[in-house]
Amino acid sequence: MRWTVLRWVAWKEARQLLRQRWVPVGYAVLFGLGLLLWNARLFPVGWFGPHRVAIAYFQLLAFGLPWLGLLAGAQAIAPERETGRLAYLLTQPVEPSEVFWGKALGRFGILAGLFLVGQGITALAFLRHGGGSVGMYGLFTAAGLGLIFLALGLGVAVSAWSPTQARATGGALGLSLMFLLVSDLVLLTAALFLRLSAPTLFFLTTLNPVQSFRVLALSTLTDRLDILGPAVGWALAQLGTSGLRLLLTGSLLVWTGTAWALARVGFGFGDRPAWRLKPSTGVSEAEVT
C-alpha cells in the first residue's frame, strides 16, 4: 500500500464525514450532557457526588459512542457503491486495500479527534473539582478510542455487505439497538425466568462488546465492581481485577478483529468489491469495467 494514496483517500473521507454535520453535533451534544451531568452535583441532592457523577458519565459515553461509530461506518461504502462512485474510484490507479484502509483511517481520525477534544475538556472540568484522577481518565480515554474503532468497524462491515445506503443505515441502527437495549432486556428476562447461574450470565454479558466496555471502563474508577451484579462479582472473585480487565480487553479485541475482517471481506479482494457493482446512470458501463 502507498502512503500517498492512503492519505488522499483518508483526507477525502474526513472532509466528507465533516460535511455531515450530525457527527460534530452528536459529539457536542454527548459531551455537553456530560458537563451538564457534572453541574448537577451542585444541586442539593445527596445522590450527586464526584464519584457517582463520574460513573454516570462513563455510562453516558458507553451509550453514545457506539451510535456515532456505527452510523459513521454505515455511510462509508454503501452510498458510494449505490451511486457508482466506488466503482469509478476503483478504476483509478489505486488498490482496493488502499481505498478500504484509507476510508477507515479518515473516518476513525475524525471520530477519534472529536472524542479526544470533548473528553479532554470534560476531564479537565471533572479533575478541577476532584472528580477522579489523571490516570483514570487516561485509561478510560484509551478504552473509549477502542470502542470507537470497534463500533466503526461494525458499521463499515454493515455498509460493506449492504447494497444500498438505506439498508446500511437500518442495519447500523439495528445493531445499536441490539447492543444497547435489546441484549439487556433479553439477559434480564433470561436471568429471571431461566435462573441462569452467575458464570453463564457473565459469559453472555461478555458477548456484548458494549457491556464489556462498561465493566472495563468502570474498573478504572472503582474496584467495587460487585455493584454491577452477581455475574461480575463472580468473575471478580475468580479472576481478580487484573484478570477481569485482561479478559474483557481480549473480548473487545476479538470483536474488533472480527468486525474489520468482515468489513474487508465485504469490501472485496482483487480488482473489484465482493458485491457485483451496478453503475448508476451517471457512470457508464465502460467506466466501471
Protein backbone atom coordinates (compact mmCIF):
# COMPACT_ATOMS: atom_id res chain seq x y z
CA MET A 1 0.00 0.00 0.00
CA ARG A 2 1.18 3.50 -0.83
CA TRP A 3 1.06 6.13 1.89
CA THR A 4 0.25 8.94 -0.54
CA VAL A 5 -2.87 7.12 -1.77
CA LEU A 6 -3.91 6.25 1.79
CA ARG A 7 -3.53 9.86 2.84
CA TRP A 8 -5.52 11.13 -0.16
CA VAL A 9 -8.41 8.72 0.44
CA ALA A 10 -8.34 9.40 4.19
CA TRP A 11 -8.45 13.17 3.64
CA LYS A 12 -11.37 12.78 1.23
CA GLU A 13 -13.28 10.64 3.75
CA ALA A 14 -12.54 13.04 6.60
CA ARG A 15 -13.92 16.01 4.67
CA GLN A 16 -16.95 14.01 3.59
CA LEU A 17 -17.69 12.96 7.16
CA LEU A 18 -17.31 16.51 8.49
CA ARG A 19 -19.76 17.77 5.88
CA GLN A 20 -22.32 15.50 7.55
CA ARG A 21 -22.87 17.91 10.41
CA TRP A 22 -24.60 15.35 12.60
CA VAL A 23 -21.17 13.93 13.54
CA PRO A 24 -19.72 17.03 15.29
CA VAL A 25 -23.18 17.94 16.55
CA GLY A 26 -23.58 14.46 18.03
CA TYR A 27 -20.28 14.71 19.87
CA ALA A 28 -21.14 18.22 21.08
CA VAL A 29 -24.46 17.00 22.47
CA LEU A 30 -22.83 13.97 24.09
CA PHE A 31 -20.12 15.88 25.91
CA GLY A 32 -22.48 18.77 26.61
CA LEU A 33 -24.68 16.31 28.50
CA GLY A 34 -21.58 15.16 30.35
CA LEU A 35 -20.84 18.70 31.51
CA LEU A 36 -24.47 19.21 32.49
CA LEU A 37 -24.32 15.96 34.43
CA TRP A 38 -21.31 17.27 36.31
CA ASN A 39 -23.08 20.54 37.08
CA ALA A 40 -25.96 18.52 38.54
CA ARG A 41 -23.80 17.82 41.57
CA LEU A 42 -24.31 21.48 42.56
CA PHE A 43 -27.97 20.82 43.35
CA PRO A 44 -28.81 19.93 46.96
CA VAL A 45 -29.44 16.24 46.23
CA GLY A 46 -27.42 13.73 48.21
CA TRP A 47 -27.00 11.26 45.33
CA PHE A 48 -24.82 13.59 43.25
CA GLY A 49 -21.16 13.35 44.21
CA PRO A 50 -17.91 13.32 42.22
CA HIS A 51 -17.64 9.53 42.33
CA ARG A 52 -21.18 8.77 41.21
CA VAL A 53 -21.20 11.53 38.62
CA ALA A 54 -18.07 10.03 37.04
CA ILE A 55 -19.79 6.62 36.90
CA ALA A 56 -22.85 8.18 35.24
CA TYR A 57 -20.58 9.99 32.78
CA PHE A 58 -18.88 6.73 31.81
CA GLN A 59 -22.28 5.13 31.29
CA LEU A 60 -23.36 8.07 29.12
CA LEU A 61 -20.37 7.66 26.79
CA ALA A 62 -20.84 3.89 26.68
CA PHE A 63 -24.34 4.60 25.37
CA GLY A 64 -23.47 7.38 22.91
CA LEU A 65 -20.16 6.36 21.33
CA PRO A 66 -21.45 3.14 19.67
CA TRP A 67 -24.28 5.07 17.98
CA LEU A 68 -21.89 7.57 16.44
CA GLY A 69 -19.34 4.95 15.37
CA LEU A 70 -21.89 2.60 13.82
CA LEU A 71 -23.69 5.35 11.91
CA ALA A 72 -20.42 6.86 10.67
CA GLY A 73 -19.26 3.45 9.47
CA ALA A 74 -22.57 2.73 7.77
CA GLN A 75 -22.01 5.73 5.48
CA ALA A 76 -18.53 4.62 4.38
CA ILE A 77 -19.14 2.23 1.46
CA ALA A 78 -22.80 1.60 0.65
CA PRO A 79 -23.68 5.15 -0.53
CA GLU A 80 -20.74 5.26 -2.96
CA ARG A 81 -21.49 1.73 -4.13
CA GLU A 82 -25.14 2.61 -4.76
CA THR A 83 -24.33 5.70 -6.81
CA GLY A 84 -21.45 4.07 -8.71
CA ARG A 85 -18.75 6.36 -7.32
CA LEU A 86 -16.96 3.43 -5.69
CA ALA A 87 -16.80 1.56 -8.99
CA TYR A 88 -15.39 4.65 -10.68
CA LEU A 89 -12.84 5.14 -7.91
CA LEU A 90 -11.59 1.56 -8.29
CA THR A 91 -10.91 2.15 -11.99
CA GLN A 92 -8.24 4.65 -10.98
CA PRO A 93 -4.62 3.54 -10.32
CA VAL A 94 -5.38 2.56 -6.72
CA GLU A 95 -5.54 -0.77 -4.94
CA PRO A 96 -8.78 -1.88 -3.23
CA SER A 97 -6.89 -2.26 0.05
CA GLU A 98 -5.69 1.34 -0.23
CA VAL A 99 -9.24 2.57 -0.75
CA PHE A 100 -10.60 0.47 2.13
CA TRP A 101 -7.98 1.35 4.72
CA GLY A 102 -7.92 4.97 3.58
CA LYS A 103 -11.65 5.18 4.29
CA ALA A 104 -11.15 3.53 7.66
CA LEU A 105 -8.26 5.82 8.59
CA GLY A 106 -10.06 9.00 7.59
CA ARG A 107 -13.27 8.23 9.42
CA PHE A 108 -11.55 6.97 12.54
CA GLY A 109 -9.31 10.03 12.58
CA ILE A 110 -12.29 12.38 12.65
CA LEU A 111 -14.20 10.37 15.26
CA ALA A 112 -11.12 9.96 17.45
CA GLY A 113 -10.18 13.64 17.14
CA LEU A 114 -13.63 14.86 18.15
CA PHE A 115 -13.69 12.37 21.02
CA LEU A 116 -10.29 13.49 22.31
CA VAL A 117 -11.30 17.16 22.20
CA GLY A 118 -14.56 16.56 24.05
CA GLN A 119 -13.03 14.11 26.51
CA GLY A 120 -10.17 16.50 27.25
CA ILE A 121 -12.49 19.42 28.02
CA THR A 122 -14.81 17.28 30.14
CA ALA A 123 -11.97 15.56 32.01
CA LEU A 124 -10.38 18.91 32.87
CA ALA A 125 -13.70 20.11 34.27
CA PHE A 126 -14.06 16.94 36.32
CA LEU A 127 -10.46 17.00 37.59
CA ARG A 128 -10.73 20.63 38.60
CA HIS A 129 -13.41 19.69 41.12
CA GLY A 130 -11.91 16.42 42.32
CA GLY A 131 -13.83 14.03 40.10
CA GLY A 132 -11.24 11.29 39.56
CA SER A 133 -7.57 11.17 38.62
CA VAL A 134 -5.48 11.72 35.51
CA GLY A 135 -4.63 8.03 35.27
CA MET A 136 -8.30 7.07 35.48
CA TYR A 137 -9.29 9.36 32.62
CA GLY A 138 -6.25 8.27 30.62
CA LEU A 139 -7.29 4.61 30.82
CA PHE A 140 -10.88 5.49 30.06
CA THR A 141 -9.82 7.56 27.04
CA ALA A 142 -7.85 4.60 25.67
CA ALA A 143 -10.84 2.32 26.21
CA GLY A 144 -13.11 4.88 24.53
CA LEU A 145 -10.89 5.03 21.46
CA GLY A 146 -11.02 1.25 21.29
CA LEU A 147 -14.82 1.30 21.48
CA ILE A 148 -14.97 3.89 18.69
CA PHE A 149 -12.71 1.77 16.49
CA LEU A 150 -14.83 -1.31 17.21
CA ALA A 151 -18.13 0.45 16.52
CA LEU A 152 -16.74 1.98 13.34
CA GLY A 153 -15.60 -1.46 12.19
CA LEU A 154 -19.05 -2.91 12.78
CA GLY A 155 -20.61 -0.02 10.87
CA VAL A 156 -18.19 -0.42 7.95
CA ALA A 157 -18.92 -4.17 7.92
CA VAL A 158 -22.65 -3.49 7.69
CA SER A 159 -22.01 -0.95 4.95
CA ALA A 160 -19.71 -3.31 3.02
CA TRP A 161 -22.33 -6.07 2.95
CA SER A 162 -25.28 -3.78 2.18
CA PRO A 163 -26.19 -2.96 -1.43
CA THR A 164 -27.87 0.37 -0.55
CA GLN A 165 -27.41 3.22 1.88
CA ALA A 166 -30.87 2.67 3.39
CA ARG A 167 -30.10 -0.94 4.29
CA ALA A 168 -26.72 0.01 5.73
CA THR A 169 -28.23 2.70 7.93
CA GLY A 170 -31.02 0.37 9.03
CA GLY A 171 -28.54 -2.37 9.84
CA ALA A 172 -26.38 0.00 11.90
CA LEU A 173 -29.41 1.23 13.84
CA GLY A 174 -30.48 -2.38 14.41
CA LEU A 175 -27.06 -3.31 15.79
CA SER A 176 -27.12 -0.25 18.04
CA LEU A 177 -30.49 -1.19 19.47
CA MET A 178 -29.40 -4.80 19.93
CA PHE A 179 -26.20 -3.96 21.79
CA LEU A 180 -27.58 -1.08 23.86
CA LEU A 181 -31.16 -2.09 24.66
CA VAL A 182 -32.36 -5.48 23.43
CA SER A 183 -29.47 -7.52 24.83
CA ASP A 184 -30.03 -6.09 28.32
CA LEU A 185 -33.73 -6.91 28.21
CA VAL A 186 -33.04 -10.43 26.94
CA LEU A 187 -30.45 -11.07 29.65
CA LEU A 188 -32.74 -9.76 32.37
CA THR A 189 -35.61 -11.91 31.13
CA ALA A 190 -33.44 -15.00 30.82
CA ALA A 191 -31.92 -14.48 34.27
CA LEU A 192 -35.39 -14.06 35.78
CA PHE A 193 -37.20 -16.98 34.16
CA LEU A 194 -34.37 -19.44 33.41
CA ARG A 195 -32.49 -18.76 36.66
CA LEU A 196 -29.13 -18.60 34.92
CA SER A 197 -26.05 -19.21 37.03
CA ALA A 198 -23.52 -16.43 37.59
CA PRO A 199 -20.87 -17.97 35.25
CA THR A 200 -23.41 -18.36 32.43
CA LEU A 201 -24.72 -14.85 32.90
CA PHE A 202 -21.19 -13.43 32.88
CA PHE A 203 -20.34 -15.33 29.69
CA LEU A 204 -23.44 -13.95 27.98
CA THR A 205 -22.55 -10.48 29.21
CA THR A 206 -19.08 -10.61 27.66
CA LEU A 207 -20.66 -11.47 24.30
CA ASN A 208 -21.93 -7.88 24.20
CA PRO A 209 -18.99 -5.54 23.44
CA VAL A 210 -20.78 -2.54 24.93
CA GLN A 211 -21.29 -4.36 28.22
CA SER A 212 -17.64 -5.44 28.20
CA PHE A 213 -16.64 -1.82 27.68
CA ARG A 214 -18.87 -0.64 30.53
CA VAL A 215 -17.35 -3.07 33.01
CA LEU A 216 -13.83 -2.31 31.77
CA ALA A 217 -14.39 1.45 31.98
CA LEU A 218 -15.86 1.25 35.48
CA SER A 219 -12.89 -0.86 36.60
CA THR A 220 -10.71 2.21 36.04
CA LEU A 221 -12.85 4.12 38.54
CA THR A 222 -13.52 1.63 41.31
CA ASP A 223 -12.59 -1.87 42.44
CA ARG A 224 -16.12 -2.42 43.78
CA LEU A 225 -17.33 -4.00 40.56
CA ASP A 226 -19.60 -6.33 42.51
CA ILE A 227 -22.10 -3.46 42.47
CA LEU A 228 -22.74 -4.40 38.82
CA GLY A 229 -24.37 -7.66 39.84
CA PRO A 230 -23.60 -11.24 40.86
CA ALA A 231 -22.18 -12.19 37.46
CA VAL A 232 -19.45 -9.55 37.57
CA GLY A 233 -18.94 -10.23 41.27
CA TRP A 234 -18.34 -13.91 40.50
CA ALA A 235 -15.83 -13.06 37.75
CA LEU A 236 -14.08 -10.63 40.08
CA ALA A 237 -13.76 -13.30 42.76
CA GLN A 238 -12.45 -15.86 40.27
CA LEU A 239 -10.13 -13.69 38.18
CA GLY A 240 -9.33 -10.64 40.24
CA THR A 241 -9.38 -7.11 38.91
CA SER A 242 -6.37 -7.56 36.61
CA GLY A 243 -7.62 -10.87 35.22
CA LEU A 244 -11.09 -9.43 34.63
CA ARG A 245 -9.64 -6.45 32.77
CA LEU A 246 -7.48 -8.77 30.66
CA LEU A 247 -10.47 -10.96 29.78
CA LEU A 248 -12.66 -8.01 28.84
CA THR A 249 -9.87 -6.45 26.79
CA GLY A 250 -9.41 -9.74 24.94
CA SER A 251 -13.15 -9.91 24.25
CA LEU A 252 -13.12 -6.41 22.78
CA LEU A 253 -10.05 -7.22 20.66
CA VAL A 254 -11.77 -10.31 19.26
CA TRP A 255 -14.86 -8.26 18.43
CA THR A 256 -12.71 -5.60 16.77
CA GLY A 257 -10.72 -8.06 14.68
CA THR A 258 -13.87 -9.89 13.59
CA ALA A 259 -15.66 -6.67 12.67
CA TRP A 260 -12.84 -5.34 10.50
CA ALA A 261 -12.23 -8.75 8.91
CA LEU A 262 -15.90 -8.95 7.91
CA ALA A 263 -15.71 -5.40 6.59
CA ARG A 264 -12.66 -6.20 4.49
CA VAL A 265 -14.21 -9.36 3.06
CA GLY A 266 -17.43 -7.49 2.28
CA PHE A 267 -15.50 -4.77 0.52
CA GLY A 268 -13.75 -7.42 -1.56
CA PHE A 269 -10.32 -8.57 -2.58
CA GLY A 270 -8.76 -8.27 -6.01
CA ASP A 271 -9.81 -5.84 -8.70
CA ARG A 272 -13.36 -5.15 -7.55
CA PRO A 273 -15.51 -5.49 -4.42
CA ALA A 274 -17.17 -8.74 -3.44
CA TRP A 275 -20.61 -7.44 -4.35
CA ARG A 276 -21.46 -7.05 -8.01
CA LEU A 277 -21.33 -3.34 -8.68
CA LYS A 278 -24.14 -1.82 -10.66
CA PRO A 279 -23.27 1.51 -12.26
CA SER A 280 -25.66 4.38 -11.82
CA THR A 281 -26.97 6.45 -14.69
CA GLY A 282 -24.11 8.88 -14.10
CA VAL A 283 -21.39 6.22 -14.60
CA SER A 284 -21.16 4.39 -17.89
CA GLU A 285 -20.57 0.67 -18.23
CA ALA A 286 -17.21 1.30 -19.91
CA GLU A 287 -16.06 3.32 -16.87
CA VAL A 288 -16.94 0.52 -14.46
CA THR A 289 -15.44 -2.33 -16.48
